[in-house]
Amino acid sequence: MAIDMRPDGQVSAAARVRAHVALTKPRIVELLLATAVPTTFLAAGGLPPLVPTLGVLIGGTLAAGSANTFNSVYDRDIDAIMRRTFHRPAAMGVVSVRAGLWQGGILAVLSAVVLLVTSNALAAALALLAIAFYAVGYTMLLKRRTSQNIVWGGAAGCMPVLIAWAAVTGSLSWTPVVLFLIIFFWTPPHYWPLAMRFRDDYAAAGVPMLPVVRSDVQVTASIIGYAWAMVVVSLVLVPVASMGWVYGVGATLLGAAFLWEAYLLRRRVIAGSRDATATAMRMFHGSITYLALLFLLVALDPFLI
């Protein structure tokens, strides 16, 4: 993040505002909304009601921003060590710990209020639970202690689909649980390729990401296992939610492409190919496309039956 300095050496007001926004990790927020909004369409069986949908957009953004802010503040020490994250505002000291905690708390309260006013108490409670799980469960308790950190910590990233479903319907059912599980099994094969690329960073910071404590051959085996589970669960959605043939065909093709990339990465790792790192990053970026397209199919399905 570029820092604008005033002549007196202080951070400019514009840079400070950008720093506070950066604390929320907007790109991650966008990905979370890409799963939440399509869920509202499936929950409504078509066009969702406007007010709850706006509540999901606004409240979900605030909740994700709150969780990411707490994460940024707590992880400022290890972020300062890693090349990929040293420029983050909390790591650079542009935003103080106190200011960051105030920001995270205010965003959490606002998210709950927005969801409570626009939808219901269940959606608001789920948002607060997601914030607490990510900020405390993942960031404080799991990330620095276990190589399975991203597996269980990733559950917080699955919460938007539950929040969205609850906002529209006022309850939960098996359909949002299956959507939750799709994202749950997607998270490790999405993130571990990135962790393979930045293994040295995590090792230097003392974070036991799986690629730090296991060989690449072992990591790719785990990636394939979770990828298969993800694809299977994505197809389980067909009978559970009575999805149409467009989703069924699309999920099958997308899953096949995802698995192809996973097996290709493993082959290149086993062969000791110089292309393994590039393949890992391609899989990381491709996994985002996979999730976005799969949930686009989820949103379109009610209109195609």
Protein backbone atom coordinates (compact mmCIF):
# COMPACT_ATOMS: atom_id res chain seq x y z
CA MET A 1 0.00 0.00 0.00
CA ALA A 2 1.46 3.36 -1.05
CA ILE A 3 1.72 5.84 1.82
CA ASP A 4 1.21 9.55 1.13
CA MET A 5 3.28 11.67 3.48
CA ARG A 6 2.71 15.31 4.35
CA PRO A 7 5.70 17.70 4.34
CA ASP A 8 5.97 17.25 8.12
CA GLY A 9 6.52 13.53 7.67
CA GLN A 10 3.10 12.49 8.91
CA VAL A 11 0.72 10.17 7.06
CA SER A 12 -1.78 12.09 4.95
CA ALA A 13 -5.49 11.91 5.74
CA ALA A 14 -6.23 10.20 2.42
CA ALA A 15 -3.60 7.54 3.11
CA ARG A 16 -4.98 6.97 6.59
CA VAL A 17 -8.47 6.40 5.19
CA ARG A 18 -7.07 3.96 2.62
CA ALA A 19 -5.19 2.19 5.40
CA HIS A 20 -8.37 1.67 7.42
CA VAL A 21 -10.12 0.30 4.33
CA ALA A 22 -7.15 -1.98 3.61
CA LEU A 23 -7.47 -3.44 7.11
CA THR A 24 -10.77 -4.98 6.01
CA LYS A 25 -9.10 -6.86 3.09
CA PRO A 26 -11.65 -5.83 0.41
CA ARG A 27 -10.71 -8.61 -2.01
CA ILE A 28 -11.59 -11.27 0.54
CA VAL A 29 -14.86 -9.46 1.26
CA GLU A 30 -15.72 -9.55 -2.45
CA LEU A 31 -15.18 -13.32 -2.57
CA LEU A 32 -17.42 -13.85 0.46
CA LEU A 33 -20.20 -11.78 -1.12
CA ALA A 34 -19.82 -13.82 -4.31
CA THR A 35 -21.13 -16.81 -2.35
CA ALA A 36 -23.66 -14.99 -0.18
CA VAL A 37 -25.61 -13.14 -2.87
CA PRO A 38 -26.26 -16.20 -5.09
CA THR A 39 -27.45 -18.02 -1.98
CA THR A 40 -30.22 -15.42 -1.56
CA PHE A 41 -31.51 -16.31 -5.03
CA LEU A 42 -31.57 -20.02 -4.25
CA ALA A 43 -33.19 -19.39 -0.88
CA ALA A 44 -35.92 -17.29 -2.50
CA GLY A 45 -36.42 -19.67 -5.44
CA GLY A 46 -35.91 -16.70 -7.78
CA LEU A 47 -35.50 -12.99 -7.22
CA PRO A 48 -34.92 -12.47 -3.48
CA PRO A 49 -36.70 -9.71 -1.56
CA LEU A 50 -34.83 -6.43 -1.86
CA VAL A 51 -34.47 -5.41 1.79
CA PRO A 52 -32.98 -8.69 3.13
CA THR A 53 -30.70 -8.87 0.09
CA LEU A 54 -29.40 -5.37 0.73
CA GLY A 55 -28.99 -6.38 4.35
CA VAL A 56 -26.85 -9.34 3.30
CA LEU A 57 -24.74 -7.11 1.06
CA ILE A 58 -24.22 -4.36 3.61
CA GLY A 59 -24.25 -6.43 6.79
CA GLY A 60 -22.11 -9.12 5.23
CA THR A 61 -19.57 -6.57 4.07
CA LEU A 62 -19.42 -5.04 7.54
CA ALA A 63 -19.09 -8.45 9.22
CA ALA A 64 -16.32 -9.62 6.91
CA GLY A 65 -14.58 -6.27 7.29
CA SER A 66 -14.76 -6.59 11.07
CA ALA A 67 -13.31 -10.11 11.11
CA ASN A 68 -10.52 -9.14 8.71
CA THR A 69 -9.72 -6.04 10.73
CA PHE A 70 -9.28 -8.04 13.93
CA ASN A 71 -7.14 -10.51 11.97
CA SER A 72 -4.97 -7.73 10.54
CA VAL A 73 -4.38 -6.19 13.96
CA TYR A 74 -3.56 -9.45 15.74
CA ASP A 75 -1.31 -10.73 12.93
CA ARG A 76 0.62 -7.48 12.54
CA ASP A 77 3.80 -9.07 13.92
CA ILE A 78 3.92 -11.99 11.49
CA ASP A 79 2.63 -9.87 8.60
CA ALA A 80 5.64 -7.59 9.08
CA ILE A 81 7.95 -10.58 8.53
CA MET A 82 6.39 -11.99 5.37
CA ARG A 83 7.13 -10.51 1.94
CA ARG A 84 3.51 -11.00 0.84
CA THR A 85 2.06 -9.03 3.76
CA PHE A 86 4.70 -6.64 5.13
CA HIS A 87 2.96 -3.69 3.46
CA ARG A 88 -0.31 -4.16 5.34
CA PRO A 89 -1.24 -1.06 7.36
CA ALA A 90 -1.21 -2.65 10.82
CA ALA A 91 2.14 -4.30 10.10
CA MET A 92 3.56 -0.93 9.00
CA GLY A 93 2.12 0.84 12.03
CA VAL A 94 0.02 3.18 9.90
CA VAL A 95 -3.04 2.13 11.92
CA SER A 96 -2.61 1.71 15.67
CA VAL A 97 -3.79 -1.35 17.57
CA ARG A 98 -6.33 0.75 19.43
CA ALA A 99 -7.75 2.26 16.26
CA GLY A 100 -7.90 -1.15 14.62
CA LEU A 101 -9.74 -2.71 17.55
CA TRP A 102 -12.23 0.16 17.61
CA GLN A 103 -12.78 -0.28 13.88
CA GLY A 104 -13.33 -4.03 14.20
CA GLY A 105 -15.75 -3.60 17.09
CA ILE A 106 -17.78 -0.86 15.42
CA LEU A 107 -18.06 -2.83 12.18
CA ALA A 108 -19.21 -5.91 14.12
CA VAL A 109 -21.96 -3.99 15.91
CA LEU A 110 -23.07 -2.29 12.71
CA SER A 111 -23.21 -5.61 10.85
CA ALA A 112 -25.47 -7.14 13.51
CA VAL A 113 -27.72 -4.07 13.59
CA VAL A 114 -28.07 -3.99 9.81
CA LEU A 115 -28.94 -7.68 9.59
CA LEU A 116 -31.31 -7.47 12.53
CA VAL A 117 -33.18 -4.51 11.02
CA THR A 118 -33.27 -5.79 7.44
CA SER A 119 -33.87 -9.49 8.12
CA ASN A 120 -33.89 -11.26 11.47
CA ALA A 121 -32.04 -12.12 14.66
CA LEU A 122 -30.78 -15.45 13.32
CA ALA A 123 -28.85 -13.78 10.50
CA ALA A 124 -27.42 -11.21 12.91
CA ALA A 125 -26.36 -13.89 15.40
CA LEU A 126 -24.68 -15.94 12.66
CA ALA A 127 -22.73 -12.86 11.56
CA LEU A 128 -21.44 -12.27 15.08
CA LEU A 129 -20.57 -15.95 15.39
CA ALA A 130 -18.60 -15.78 12.13
CA ILE A 131 -16.66 -12.74 13.33
CA ALA A 132 -15.85 -14.39 16.67
CA PHE A 133 -14.80 -17.66 15.06
CA TYR A 134 -12.46 -15.98 12.59
CA ALA A 135 -11.00 -13.46 15.01
CA VAL A 136 -10.61 -15.78 17.98
CA GLY A 137 -10.94 -19.37 16.75
CA TYR A 138 -8.77 -19.06 13.66
CA THR A 139 -6.57 -16.01 14.18
CA MET A 140 -5.77 -16.36 17.87
CA LEU A 141 -6.10 -20.09 18.59
CA LEU A 142 -5.49 -22.07 15.41
CA LYS A 143 -3.34 -20.21 12.91
CA ARG A 144 -0.08 -20.36 14.86
CA ARG A 145 -0.64 -23.73 16.53
CA THR A 146 -1.70 -26.34 13.97
CA SER A 147 -1.07 -27.24 10.36
CA GLN A 148 -4.82 -27.77 10.04
CA ASN A 149 -5.38 -24.08 10.76
CA ILE A 150 -6.84 -23.24 7.36
CA VAL A 151 -9.11 -26.30 7.40
CA TRP A 152 -11.00 -25.35 10.52
CA GLY A 153 -10.37 -21.63 10.32
CA GLY A 154 -11.84 -21.67 6.84
CA ALA A 155 -15.21 -22.52 8.37
CA ALA A 156 -15.64 -18.81 9.12
CA GLY A 157 -15.47 -18.15 5.40
CA CYS A 158 -18.36 -20.56 4.91
CA MET A 159 -20.69 -18.61 7.18
CA PRO A 160 -21.94 -16.06 4.58
CA VAL A 161 -24.10 -18.72 2.92
CA LEU A 162 -25.77 -19.52 6.24
CA ILE A 163 -26.26 -15.82 6.94
CA ALA A 164 -27.74 -15.21 3.49
CA TRP A 165 -30.10 -18.19 3.73
CA ALA A 166 -31.24 -17.17 7.19
CA ALA A 167 -31.76 -13.58 6.08
CA VAL A 168 -34.16 -14.64 3.33
CA THR A 169 -35.95 -17.58 4.96
CA GLY A 170 -35.61 -16.90 8.69
CA SER A 171 -34.32 -20.43 9.27
CA LEU A 172 -31.71 -22.96 8.17
CA SER A 173 -32.07 -26.25 6.29
CA TRP A 174 -29.93 -28.89 4.63
CA THR A 175 -29.40 -26.78 1.50
CA PRO A 176 -27.33 -24.05 3.18
CA VAL A 177 -25.46 -26.76 5.10
CA VAL A 178 -24.42 -28.33 1.78
CA LEU A 179 -23.39 -24.90 0.45
CA PHE A 180 -21.38 -24.44 3.65
CA LEU A 181 -19.63 -27.77 3.08
CA ILE A 182 -18.77 -26.91 -0.53
CA ILE A 183 -16.83 -23.86 0.65
CA PHE A 184 -15.41 -25.76 3.62
CA PHE A 185 -13.86 -28.43 1.38
CA TRP A 186 -12.87 -25.81 -1.23
CA THR A 187 -10.80 -23.73 1.20
CA PRO A 188 -7.77 -26.06 1.69
CA PRO A 189 -7.16 -26.79 -2.03
CA HIS A 190 -7.67 -23.08 -2.66
CA TYR A 191 -5.21 -21.86 -0.03
CA TRP A 192 -2.55 -24.57 0.20
CA PRO A 193 -1.19 -23.90 -3.33
CA LEU A 194 -0.64 -20.28 -2.27
CA ALA A 195 1.02 -21.48 0.94
CA MET A 196 3.29 -23.68 -1.18
CA ARG A 197 4.41 -20.60 -3.08
CA PHE A 198 5.08 -18.62 0.12
CA ARG A 199 6.33 -21.50 2.27
CA ASP A 200 9.50 -19.65 3.29
CA ASP A 201 7.47 -16.65 4.47
CA TYR A 202 5.28 -18.78 6.71
CA ALA A 203 8.28 -20.68 8.02
CA ALA A 204 10.09 -17.44 8.87
CA ALA A 205 6.99 -16.19 10.69
CA GLY A 206 6.59 -19.44 12.60
CA VAL A 207 3.19 -20.23 11.11
CA PRO A 208 2.81 -24.02 10.63
CA MET A 209 0.89 -23.98 7.36
CA LEU A 210 0.74 -27.49 5.93
CA PRO A 211 3.41 -26.85 3.25
CA VAL A 212 5.79 -25.75 6.03
CA VAL A 213 5.54 -29.01 7.98
CA ARG A 214 4.85 -31.47 5.15
CA SER A 215 6.49 -32.20 1.81
CA ASP A 216 4.89 -30.93 -1.39
CA VAL A 217 4.02 -34.51 -2.32
CA GLN A 218 2.07 -34.89 0.91
CA VAL A 219 0.44 -31.48 0.51
CA THR A 220 -0.76 -32.24 -3.02
CA ALA A 221 -2.21 -35.54 -1.84
CA SER A 222 -4.24 -33.60 0.73
CA ILE A 223 -5.26 -31.07 -1.93
CA ILE A 224 -6.61 -33.87 -4.12
CA GLY A 225 -8.50 -35.42 -1.21
CA TYR A 226 -10.25 -32.17 -0.32
CA ALA A 227 -10.88 -31.41 -3.99
CA TRP A 228 -12.70 -34.72 -4.43
CA ALA A 229 -14.76 -34.08 -1.31
CA MET A 230 -15.66 -30.62 -2.64
CA VAL A 231 -16.77 -31.96 -6.01
CA VAL A 232 -18.85 -34.72 -4.44
CA VAL A 233 -20.59 -32.30 -2.10
CA SER A 234 -21.24 -29.87 -4.96
CA LEU A 235 -23.14 -32.68 -6.71
CA VAL A 236 -24.96 -33.67 -3.51
CA LEU A 237 -26.60 -30.25 -3.80
CA VAL A 238 -28.53 -31.51 -6.85
CA PRO A 239 -30.86 -33.87 -4.95
CA VAL A 240 -30.83 -31.89 -1.71
CA ALA A 241 -31.91 -28.59 -3.32
CA SER A 242 -33.64 -30.05 -6.39
CA MET A 243 -31.17 -28.31 -8.68
CA GLY A 244 -31.73 -28.42 -12.43
CA TRP A 245 -29.65 -30.00 -15.16
CA VAL A 246 -27.76 -26.78 -15.93
CA TYR A 247 -26.29 -26.67 -12.44
CA GLY A 248 -25.65 -30.43 -12.48
CA VAL A 249 -23.76 -30.33 -15.78
CA GLY A 250 -21.94 -27.13 -14.88
CA ALA A 251 -20.87 -28.39 -11.45
CA THR A 252 -19.59 -31.60 -13.03
CA LEU A 253 -17.52 -29.77 -15.65
CA LEU A 254 -16.17 -27.24 -13.17
CA GLY A 255 -15.31 -30.03 -10.75
CA ALA A 256 -13.51 -31.99 -13.48
CA ALA A 257 -11.46 -28.91 -14.36
CA PHE A 258 -10.58 -28.35 -10.69
CA LEU A 259 -9.49 -31.96 -10.25
CA TRP A 260 -7.44 -31.79 -13.45
CA GLU A 261 -5.48 -28.86 -12.03
CA ALA A 262 -5.01 -30.67 -8.72
CA TYR A 263 -3.64 -33.81 -10.38
CA LEU A 264 -1.47 -31.71 -12.71
CA LEU A 265 0.06 -29.93 -9.74
CA ARG A 266 0.78 -33.25 -8.05
CA ARG A 267 2.40 -34.70 -11.19
CA ARG A 268 4.67 -31.69 -11.54
CA VAL A 269 5.60 -31.79 -7.86
CA ILE A 270 6.48 -35.50 -8.06
CA ALA A 271 8.50 -34.87 -11.20
CA GLY A 272 10.34 -31.99 -9.56
CA SER A 273 9.28 -29.69 -12.37
CA ARG A 274 10.30 -26.04 -12.32
CA ASP A 275 6.73 -25.28 -13.38
CA ALA A 276 5.30 -26.59 -10.09
CA THR A 277 5.25 -23.16 -8.43
CA ALA A 278 3.57 -21.55 -11.44
CA THR A 279 1.06 -24.40 -11.52
CA ALA A 280 0.33 -23.91 -7.82
CA MET A 281 -0.40 -20.22 -8.34
CA ARG A 282 -2.54 -21.02 -11.37
CA MET A 283 -4.55 -23.40 -9.23
CA PHE A 284 -4.90 -20.77 -6.52
CA HIS A 285 -6.31 -18.20 -8.95
CA GLY A 286 -8.31 -20.83 -10.81
CA SER A 287 -9.97 -21.98 -7.60
CA ILE A 288 -11.43 -18.48 -7.18
CA THR A 289 -12.88 -18.67 -10.68
CA TYR A 290 -14.29 -22.11 -9.87
CA LEU A 291 -16.14 -20.88 -6.80
CA ALA A 292 -17.46 -17.77 -8.53
CA LEU A 293 -18.80 -19.76 -11.49
CA LEU A 294 -20.28 -22.49 -9.30
CA PHE A 295 -22.23 -19.95 -7.26
CA LEU A 296 -23.27 -18.15 -10.42
CA LEU A 297 -24.91 -21.44 -11.40
CA VAL A 298 -26.52 -21.55 -7.95
CA ALA A 299 -28.01 -18.10 -8.57
CA LEU A 300 -29.22 -18.95 -12.07
CA ASP A 301 -30.70 -22.33 -11.24
CA PRO A 302 -34.08 -21.08 -9.90
CA PHE A 303 -34.71 -19.34 -13.24
CA LEU A 304 -33.83 -22.38 -15.36
CA ILE A 305 -36.05 -25.07 -13.85
